[in-house]
Amino acid sequence: MNKGKIYVGTSGWVYPHWENIFYPEGLPSKDKLKYFSQHFKTAEVNYSFYRLPRPATYQNWYSQTPGDFLFAVKASRFIT
């Protein structure tokens, strides 16, 4: 029997109430995904439901995360 993988993450990675609780004090917004990906292996991209991110945005996210990080991209509201 093949064993599957379970990925644990959150919907998004930038929330004001995470400041000084999950994220260290003073961590710049541009570094939050990188920090997040050191603690979780996946995150849902909720933004894509409302507006499709540009390819450069995906490339930026990819460059900040380890190779085994999984983005769960929510389908556009125009599709669902």
Protein backbone atom coordinates (compact mmCIF):
# COMPACT_ATOMS: atom_id res chain seq x y z
CA MET A 1 0.00 0.00 0.00
CA ASN A 2 1.36 3.41 -0.94
CA LYS A 3 1.41 5.99 1.77
CA GLY A 4 0.28 9.48 0.87
CA LYS A 5 1.62 12.71 2.25
CA ILE A 6 -0.29 15.07 4.49
CA TYR A 7 0.57 18.74 4.17
CA VAL A 8 -0.33 21.10 6.99
CA GLY A 9 -0.51 24.81 6.33
CA THR A 10 -2.87 27.76 6.40
CA SER A 11 -5.00 29.82 4.08
CA GLY A 12 -2.62 32.67 3.36
CA TRP A 13 0.43 33.79 5.29
CA VAL A 14 -0.04 37.50 6.03
CA TYR A 15 -2.32 38.40 8.92
CA PRO A 16 -1.86 41.41 11.24
CA HIS A 17 -2.79 39.42 14.35
CA TRP A 18 0.15 37.03 13.71
CA GLU A 19 2.63 39.85 14.35
CA ASN A 20 4.78 39.18 17.43
CA ILE A 21 2.97 35.84 17.92
CA PHE A 22 4.04 33.78 14.92
CA TYR A 23 6.20 36.29 13.09
CA PRO A 24 9.14 37.85 14.94
CA GLU A 25 8.87 41.52 15.80
CA GLY A 26 10.00 43.74 12.96
CA LEU A 27 9.97 41.07 10.24
CA PRO A 28 9.38 42.94 6.94
CA SER A 29 6.29 41.91 4.96
CA LYS A 30 8.47 40.87 2.02
CA ASP A 31 10.11 38.20 4.23
CA LYS A 32 6.95 36.66 5.68
CA LEU A 33 6.46 33.94 3.07
CA LYS A 34 10.08 32.84 3.42
CA TYR A 35 9.72 32.69 7.22
CA PHE A 36 6.35 30.92 6.92
CA SER A 37 7.79 28.28 4.59
CA GLN A 38 10.43 27.40 7.19
CA HIS A 39 7.62 26.25 9.52
CA PHE A 40 4.94 24.92 7.15
CA LYS A 41 5.11 22.95 3.90
CA THR A 42 2.00 24.39 2.23
CA ALA A 43 -0.25 27.45 2.02
CA GLU A 44 -3.49 28.16 0.24
CA VAL A 45 -3.43 31.10 -2.15
CA ASN A 46 -6.83 32.65 -1.48
CA TYR A 47 -6.00 35.80 -3.48
CA SER A 48 -6.44 33.88 -6.73
CA PHE A 49 -10.17 33.50 -6.03
CA TYR A 50 -10.63 37.25 -6.47
CA ARG A 51 -7.90 38.10 -8.97
CA LEU A 52 -5.41 35.97 -10.86
CA PRO A 53 -1.86 36.73 -9.77
CA ARG A 54 0.62 37.72 -12.45
CA PRO A 55 3.21 35.12 -13.50
CA ALA A 56 5.90 37.30 -11.85
CA THR A 57 4.03 37.00 -8.54
CA TYR A 58 4.12 33.20 -8.74
CA GLN A 59 7.81 33.34 -9.62
CA ASN A 60 8.49 35.58 -6.64
CA TRP A 61 6.64 33.22 -4.27
CA TYR A 62 8.47 30.24 -5.73
CA SER A 63 11.86 31.90 -5.23
CA GLN A 64 11.11 32.46 -1.53
CA THR A 65 10.15 28.89 -0.69
CA PRO A 66 11.91 25.51 -0.59
CA GLY A 67 11.53 23.22 -3.60
CA ASP A 68 9.11 20.93 -1.76
CA PHE A 69 6.75 23.74 -0.69
CA LEU A 70 3.21 23.28 -2.01
CA PHE A 71 0.93 26.15 -3.00
CA ALA A 72 -2.76 25.26 -3.09
CA VAL A 73 -4.12 27.83 -5.53
CA LYS A 74 -7.81 28.53 -5.07
CA ALA A 75 -9.72 28.55 -8.37
CA SER A 76 -11.08 31.86 -9.63
CA ARG A 77 -14.61 32.83 -8.63
CA PHE A 78 -15.37 33.07 -12.34
CA ILE A 79 -14.71 29.34 -12.66
CA THR A 80 -16.29 27.99 -9.49
